Each structure stands twice: as structure tokens, then as C-alpha cells.
């Protein structure tokens, strides 16, 4: 399951070892910003991707073959 607003570490697939956080944008219907970084604080090697809806978000994760270990409570880290 994709956790919105929570930091995770990609344990396998494309970008393995990087950290990811998904932000829901205030569109109607909501779109999403997928943030990637080398560190949990999102200060090093930062990048992002935009997807238009929940189905596109799920497809984005599937295409990267991402297995994500979600860390800590939602919103607990910067990014």
C-alpha cells in the first residue's frame, strides 16, 4: 500500500536505497507529488515526479517495481 505523507525507503526496484515521500496536492481530484532523495531528511540528491491521480500513482510505483519500507509516523520527517 502506498502511504501518502509518510517517508519510506525503497528496498528494491528502480532507485533502490533512496527515500520516497508522496504528497497529495490540493487539486480536484487530487494529484500527487512523489519526492525522492538519498537521505531521509530530503536534503541530498533531491528530485520529484508529478502524477495526475491515484491510479497514476499506483502505476508509477508498479513501473519502478518499488518495494517500500514505510518509516515512522506520517509527517514525522522533512520533505
Protein backbone atom coordinates (compact mmCIF):
# COMPACT_ATOMS: atom_id res chain seq x y z
CA UNK A 1 0.00 0.00 0.00
CA UNK A 2 1.27 3.48 -0.86
CA UNK A 3 1.42 5.73 2.20
CA UNK A 4 0.68 9.41 1.50
CA UNK A 5 2.53 11.87 3.73
CA UNK A 6 4.93 9.28 5.12
CA UNK A 7 8.64 8.69 4.41
CA UNK A 8 9.70 5.31 3.08
CA UNK A 9 12.90 3.65 1.93
CA UNK A 10 12.86 1.88 -1.44
CA UNK A 11 14.22 -1.59 -0.64
CA UNK A 12 14.04 -2.99 -4.18
CA UNK A 13 13.29 -1.89 -7.72
CA UNK A 14 14.39 1.28 -9.50
CA UNK A 15 16.01 3.82 -7.14
CA UNK A 16 16.68 1.11 -4.55
CA UNK A 17 18.19 2.61 -1.40
CA UNK A 18 16.63 6.05 -1.91
CA UNK A 19 13.96 7.58 0.27
CA UNK A 20 10.48 8.45 -1.01
CA UNK A 21 7.61 10.58 0.23
CA UNK A 22 4.26 11.11 -1.52
CA UNK A 23 2.43 14.41 -1.11
CA UNK A 24 -1.20 14.88 -2.06
CA UNK A 25 -1.76 18.16 -3.91
CA UNK A 26 -4.96 20.20 -3.44
CA UNK A 27 -6.30 19.63 -6.95
CA UNK A 28 -9.82 18.35 -7.64
CA UNK A 29 -9.47 15.41 -7.92
CA UNK A 30 -6.14 15.29 -6.05
CA UNK A 31 -2.86 14.84 -7.90
CA UNK A 32 0.36 13.67 -6.23
CA UNK A 33 4.00 14.69 -5.96
CA UNK A 34 6.50 11.85 -5.47
CA UNK A 35 9.66 13.11 -3.74
CA UNK A 36 12.95 11.15 -3.91
CA UNK A 37 16.23 11.72 -2.07
CA UNK A 38 19.42 9.97 -0.97
CA UNK A 39 18.76 10.86 2.69
CA UNK A 40 15.76 10.59 4.98
CA UNK A 41 15.71 14.36 5.55
CA UNK A 42 15.40 15.06 1.79
CA UNK A 43 18.43 17.37 1.74
CA UNK A 44 20.76 15.40 -0.60
CA UNK A 45 20.08 14.27 -4.16
CA UNK A 46 16.52 15.55 -4.14
CA UNK A 47 14.14 15.08 -7.07
CA UNK A 48 10.42 14.83 -7.70
CA UNK A 49 7.78 13.46 -10.06
CA UNK A 50 4.18 14.58 -10.56
CA UNK A 51 1.33 12.14 -11.23
CA UNK A 52 -2.22 13.15 -12.09
CA UNK A 53 -4.29 10.84 -9.88
CA UNK A 54 -4.28 7.83 -7.51
CA UNK A 55 -4.35 5.31 -10.38
CA UNK A 56 -1.33 7.02 -11.98
CA UNK A 57 0.45 6.97 -8.61
CA UNK A 58 -0.08 3.23 -8.26
CA UNK A 59 1.08 2.70 -11.85
CA UNK A 60 4.20 4.82 -11.20
CA UNK A 61 5.18 2.65 -8.22
CA UNK A 62 4.43 -0.56 -10.19
CA UNK A 63 6.51 0.53 -13.21
CA UNK A 64 9.51 1.13 -10.93
CA UNK A 65 8.94 -2.27 -9.25
CA UNK A 66 9.21 -0.43 -5.95
CA UNK A 67 9.08 -2.30 -2.68
CA UNK A 68 8.93 0.39 0.02
CA UNK A 69 9.52 0.07 3.74
CA UNK A 70 7.43 2.86 5.27
CA UNK A 71 9.15 4.52 8.24
CA UNK A 72 7.82 6.33 11.30
CA UNK A 73 4.53 8.20 11.63
CA UNK A 74 3.09 10.35 8.86
CA UNK A 75 4.61 13.79 8.52
CA UNK A 76 7.41 12.98 11.02
CA UNK A 77 10.24 13.96 8.66
CA UNK A 78 11.08 16.89 6.42
CA UNK A 79 10.48 16.75 2.72
